[in-house]
Amino acid sequence: MLFFLGKYIAALRNEEKLKKLLIEENDERTAYIESKAGSKAINATIMLLALAMLVANFFDKTVFFTLMAATLATAMTKIVICCYYKRKF
């Protein structure tokens, strides 16, 4: 967080750095890549939680149910966000 604060303060002091920062933050290609990476990361997280849930089933029921709740919460969050954006766009 302090890194970004220093980056923004430096950009405010230098016009060239400010232009570069504005281009970097408004770049559509970067935003597209980040959105695709986030989508893949959520899918991987859900799969890894489900796998951990299956393994934990053999060892401890409390851990199993905790991982099941985390998996369901993550999956439901993804479904709600997908439905929201499908209606919005």
N, C-alpha and C. Protein backbone atom coordinates (compact mmCIF):
# COMPACT_ATOMS: atom_id res chain seq x y z
N MET A 1 0.82 -1.18 0.00
CA MET A 1 0.00 0.00 0.00
C MET A 1 0.87 1.25 0.00
N LEU A 2 1.93 1.22 0.78
CA LEU A 2 2.84 2.37 0.80
C LEU A 2 3.54 2.54 -0.54
N PHE A 3 3.77 1.42 -1.23
CA PHE A 3 4.37 1.48 -2.56
C PHE A 3 3.50 2.28 -3.51
N PHE A 4 2.19 1.99 -3.51
CA PHE A 4 1.28 2.70 -4.40
C PHE A 4 1.15 4.18 -4.02
N LEU A 5 1.16 4.45 -2.73
CA LEU A 5 1.09 5.83 -2.28
C LEU A 5 2.31 6.61 -2.77
N GLY A 6 3.49 6.01 -2.65
CA GLY A 6 4.71 6.65 -3.15
C GLY A 6 4.68 6.82 -4.66
N LYS A 7 4.14 5.82 -5.34
CA LYS A 7 4.03 5.88 -6.80
C LYS A 7 3.13 7.03 -7.24
N TYR A 8 2.01 7.21 -6.55
CA TYR A 8 1.07 8.29 -6.92
C TYR A 8 1.62 9.67 -6.57
N ILE A 9 2.32 9.76 -5.46
CA ILE A 9 2.92 11.05 -5.08
C ILE A 9 4.00 11.44 -6.09
N ALA A 10 4.81 10.47 -6.50
CA ALA A 10 5.86 10.73 -7.49
C ALA A 10 5.23 11.14 -8.82
N ALA A 11 4.09 10.52 -9.18
CA ALA A 11 3.43 10.86 -10.43
C ALA A 11 2.85 12.27 -10.39
N LEU A 12 2.37 12.69 -9.24
CA LEU A 12 1.82 14.04 -9.13
C LEU A 12 2.91 15.11 -9.25
N ARG A 13 4.12 14.75 -8.93
CA ARG A 13 5.23 15.72 -9.00
C ARG A 13 5.85 15.79 -10.39
N ASN A 14 5.65 14.77 -11.21
CA ASN A 14 6.28 14.72 -12.52
C ASN A 14 5.20 14.48 -13.58
N GLU A 15 5.09 15.41 -14.52
CA GLU A 15 4.05 15.34 -15.55
C GLU A 15 4.18 14.10 -16.43
N GLU A 16 5.41 13.73 -16.76
CA GLU A 16 5.62 12.56 -17.62
C GLU A 16 5.20 11.26 -16.91
N LYS A 17 5.55 11.15 -15.62
CA LYS A 17 5.15 9.97 -14.85
C LYS A 17 3.63 9.92 -14.68
N LEU A 18 3.01 11.09 -14.56
CA LEU A 18 1.56 11.15 -14.42
C LEU A 18 0.86 10.66 -15.69
N LYS A 19 1.35 11.08 -16.85
CA LYS A 19 0.78 10.60 -18.12
C LYS A 19 0.94 9.10 -18.26
N LYS A 20 2.12 8.59 -17.92
CA LYS A 20 2.38 7.16 -18.01
C LYS A 20 1.47 6.37 -17.07
N LEU A 21 1.27 6.89 -15.87
CA LEU A 21 0.40 6.23 -14.90
C LEU A 21 -1.05 6.23 -15.36
N LEU A 22 -1.52 7.33 -15.92
CA LEU A 22 -2.89 7.38 -16.42
C LEU A 22 -3.12 6.41 -17.57
N ILE A 23 -2.16 6.32 -18.47
CA ILE A 23 -2.25 5.36 -19.59
C ILE A 23 -2.27 3.94 -19.04
N GLU A 24 -1.41 3.67 -18.07
CA GLU A 24 -1.32 2.33 -17.49
C GLU A 24 -2.62 1.93 -16.79
N GLU A 25 -3.24 2.85 -16.07
CA GLU A 25 -4.46 2.54 -15.33
C GLU A 25 -5.69 2.46 -16.22
N ASN A 26 -5.69 3.14 -17.36
CA ASN A 26 -6.85 3.14 -18.25
C ASN A 26 -6.68 2.21 -19.44
N ASP A 27 -5.65 1.39 -19.42
CA ASP A 27 -5.38 0.49 -20.53
C ASP A 27 -6.42 -0.64 -20.54
N GLU A 28 -7.18 -0.75 -21.63
CA GLU A 28 -8.24 -1.76 -21.74
C GLU A 28 -7.65 -3.16 -21.83
N ARG A 29 -6.52 -3.29 -22.46
CA ARG A 29 -5.89 -4.61 -22.59
C ARG A 29 -5.52 -5.16 -21.22
N THR A 30 -4.95 -4.33 -20.38
CA THR A 30 -4.56 -4.74 -19.04
C THR A 30 -5.80 -5.13 -18.22
N ALA A 31 -6.85 -4.34 -18.33
CA ALA A 31 -8.09 -4.65 -17.61
C ALA A 31 -8.67 -5.97 -18.08
N TYR A 32 -8.63 -6.24 -19.37
CA TYR A 32 -9.14 -7.49 -19.92
C TYR A 32 -8.33 -8.68 -19.40
N ILE A 33 -7.02 -8.54 -19.42
CA ILE A 33 -6.14 -9.61 -18.94
C ILE A 33 -6.39 -9.88 -17.46
N GLU A 34 -6.53 -8.83 -16.67
CA GLU A 34 -6.77 -9.00 -15.24
C GLU A 34 -8.12 -9.66 -14.98
N SER A 35 -9.13 -9.32 -15.77
CA SER A 35 -10.44 -9.94 -15.57
C SER A 35 -10.41 -11.42 -15.93
N LYS A 36 -9.71 -11.77 -17.01
CA LYS A 36 -9.59 -13.18 -17.39
C LYS A 36 -8.77 -13.95 -16.36
N ALA A 37 -7.72 -13.36 -15.87
CA ALA A 37 -6.89 -14.02 -14.87
C ALA A 37 -7.68 -14.22 -13.58
N GLY A 38 -8.48 -13.25 -13.21
CA GLY A 38 -9.31 -13.38 -12.01
C GLY A 38 -10.33 -14.49 -12.14
N SER A 39 -10.92 -14.60 -13.32
CA SER A 39 -11.89 -15.66 -13.57
C SER A 39 -11.25 -17.03 -13.45
N LYS A 40 -10.09 -17.20 -14.04
CA LYS A 40 -9.38 -18.48 -13.96
C LYS A 40 -8.94 -18.77 -12.52
N ALA A 41 -8.55 -17.74 -11.80
CA ALA A 41 -8.11 -17.93 -10.42
C ALA A 41 -9.26 -18.39 -9.53
N ILE A 42 -10.45 -17.84 -9.73
CA ILE A 42 -11.60 -18.26 -8.94
C ILE A 42 -11.95 -19.71 -9.24
N ASN A 43 -11.92 -20.09 -10.52
CA ASN A 43 -12.20 -21.48 -10.89
C ASN A 43 -11.19 -22.43 -10.26
N ALA A 44 -9.92 -22.05 -10.29
CA ALA A 44 -8.87 -22.88 -9.68
C ALA A 44 -9.07 -22.97 -8.17
N THR A 45 -9.46 -21.87 -7.54
CA THR A 45 -9.69 -21.87 -6.10
C THR A 45 -10.83 -22.81 -5.73
N ILE A 46 -11.91 -22.76 -6.50
CA ILE A 46 -13.04 -23.65 -6.23
C ILE A 46 -12.63 -25.11 -6.38
N MET A 47 -11.88 -25.41 -7.43
CA MET A 47 -11.44 -26.80 -7.62
C MET A 47 -10.51 -27.26 -6.51
N LEU A 48 -9.57 -26.41 -6.11
CA LEU A 48 -8.64 -26.80 -5.04
C LEU A 48 -9.35 -26.95 -3.70
N LEU A 49 -10.33 -26.09 -3.43
CA LEU A 49 -11.10 -26.24 -2.19
C LEU A 49 -11.89 -27.54 -2.20
N ALA A 50 -12.47 -27.87 -3.35
CA ALA A 50 -13.24 -29.12 -3.45
C ALA A 50 -12.32 -30.33 -3.27
N LEU A 51 -11.15 -30.29 -3.85
CA LEU A 51 -10.19 -31.39 -3.68
C LEU A 51 -9.76 -31.51 -2.23
N ALA A 52 -9.46 -30.39 -1.60
CA ALA A 52 -9.07 -30.40 -0.19
C ALA A 52 -10.22 -30.91 0.68
N MET A 53 -11.44 -30.56 0.29
CA MET A 53 -12.62 -31.03 1.02
C MET A 53 -12.72 -32.55 0.96
N LEU A 54 -12.49 -33.12 -0.22
CA LEU A 54 -12.56 -34.57 -0.37
C LEU A 54 -11.47 -35.28 0.43
N VAL A 55 -10.29 -34.72 0.44
CA VAL A 55 -9.19 -35.32 1.21
C VAL A 55 -9.48 -35.20 2.71
N ALA A 56 -9.98 -34.06 3.13
CA ALA A 56 -10.25 -33.83 4.55
C ALA A 56 -11.36 -34.73 5.06
N ASN A 57 -12.22 -35.18 4.17
CA ASN A 57 -13.32 -36.07 4.56
C ASN A 57 -12.79 -37.34 5.23
N PHE A 58 -11.61 -37.80 4.83
CA PHE A 58 -11.04 -39.01 5.39
C PHE A 58 -10.38 -38.79 6.76
N PHE A 59 -10.10 -37.54 7.10
CA PHE A 59 -9.36 -37.27 8.32
C PHE A 59 -10.19 -36.64 9.43
N ASP A 60 -10.89 -35.56 9.10
CA ASP A 60 -11.60 -34.82 10.15
C ASP A 60 -12.88 -34.21 9.58
N LYS A 61 -13.99 -34.52 10.20
CA LYS A 61 -15.29 -34.03 9.70
C LYS A 61 -15.43 -32.51 9.87
N THR A 62 -14.84 -31.96 10.92
CA THR A 62 -14.93 -30.51 11.13
C THR A 62 -14.24 -29.75 10.00
N VAL A 63 -13.06 -30.21 9.64
CA VAL A 63 -12.33 -29.58 8.54
C VAL A 63 -13.09 -29.77 7.24
N PHE A 64 -13.68 -30.95 7.05
CA PHE A 64 -14.47 -31.22 5.85
C PHE A 64 -15.62 -30.22 5.72
N PHE A 65 -16.39 -30.04 6.79
CA PHE A 65 -17.53 -29.14 6.72
C PHE A 65 -17.10 -27.68 6.57
N THR A 66 -15.98 -27.33 7.16
CA THR A 66 -15.46 -25.97 7.01
C THR A 66 -15.06 -25.72 5.56
N LEU A 67 -14.35 -26.67 4.96
CA LEU A 67 -13.96 -26.52 3.55
C LEU A 67 -15.17 -26.56 2.62
N MET A 68 -16.17 -27.34 2.99
CA MET A 68 -17.39 -27.39 2.19
C MET A 68 -18.09 -26.03 2.22
N ALA A 69 -18.14 -25.41 3.38
CA ALA A 69 -18.75 -24.08 3.49
C ALA A 69 -17.97 -23.06 2.68
N ALA A 70 -16.64 -23.13 2.73
CA ALA A 70 -15.81 -22.20 1.96
C ALA A 70 -16.00 -22.42 0.46
N THR A 71 -16.08 -23.67 0.04
CA THR A 71 -16.28 -23.99 -1.38
C THR A 71 -17.63 -23.47 -1.85
N LEU A 72 -18.67 -23.73 -1.06
CA LEU A 72 -20.01 -23.26 -1.44
C LEU A 72 -20.10 -21.74 -1.46
N ALA A 73 -19.47 -21.09 -0.48
CA ALA A 73 -19.50 -19.63 -0.44
C ALA A 73 -18.78 -19.04 -1.65
N THR A 74 -17.65 -19.61 -2.01
CA THR A 74 -16.89 -19.12 -3.17
C THR A 74 -17.68 -19.34 -4.46
N ALA A 75 -18.26 -20.53 -4.60
CA ALA A 75 -19.04 -20.83 -5.81
C ALA A 75 -20.28 -19.94 -5.90
N MET A 76 -20.96 -19.74 -4.79
CA MET A 76 -22.16 -18.89 -4.81
C MET A 76 -21.80 -17.44 -5.12
N THR A 77 -20.68 -16.97 -4.60
CA THR A 77 -20.24 -15.61 -4.90
C THR A 77 -19.97 -15.47 -6.39
N LYS A 78 -19.33 -16.46 -6.98
CA LYS A 78 -19.07 -16.41 -8.43
C LYS A 78 -20.37 -16.40 -9.22
N ILE A 79 -21.32 -17.24 -8.82
CA ILE A 79 -22.61 -17.30 -9.53
C ILE A 79 -23.35 -15.98 -9.43
N VAL A 80 -23.39 -15.39 -8.26
CA VAL A 80 -24.09 -14.11 -8.07
C VAL A 80 -23.44 -13.01 -8.90
N ILE A 81 -22.13 -12.96 -8.89
CA ILE A 81 -21.43 -11.94 -9.66
C ILE A 81 -21.65 -12.14 -11.17
N CYS A 82 -21.62 -13.39 -11.62
CA CYS A 82 -21.87 -13.66 -13.04
C CYS A 82 -23.29 -13.24 -13.44
N CYS A 83 -24.26 -13.56 -12.61
CA CYS A 83 -25.65 -13.17 -12.91
C CYS A 83 -25.78 -11.64 -12.94
N TYR A 84 -25.13 -10.98 -12.02
CA TYR A 84 -25.19 -9.51 -11.97
C TYR A 84 -24.63 -8.92 -13.27
N TYR A 85 -23.47 -9.38 -13.70
CA TYR A 85 -22.85 -8.80 -14.88
C TYR A 85 -23.57 -9.20 -16.16
N LYS A 86 -24.22 -10.36 -16.18
CA LYS A 86 -25.00 -10.74 -17.36
C LYS A 86 -26.20 -9.83 -17.53
N ARG A 87 -26.80 -9.42 -16.42
CA ARG A 87 -27.94 -8.48 -16.50
C ARG A 87 -27.48 -7.06 -16.80
N LYS A 88 -26.33 -6.71 -16.25
CA LYS A 88 -25.83 -5.34 -16.43
C LYS A 88 -25.38 -5.09 -17.85
N PHE A 89 -24.74 -6.07 -18.48
CA PHE A 89 -24.24 -5.90 -19.85
C PHE A 89 -25.06 -6.74 -20.75
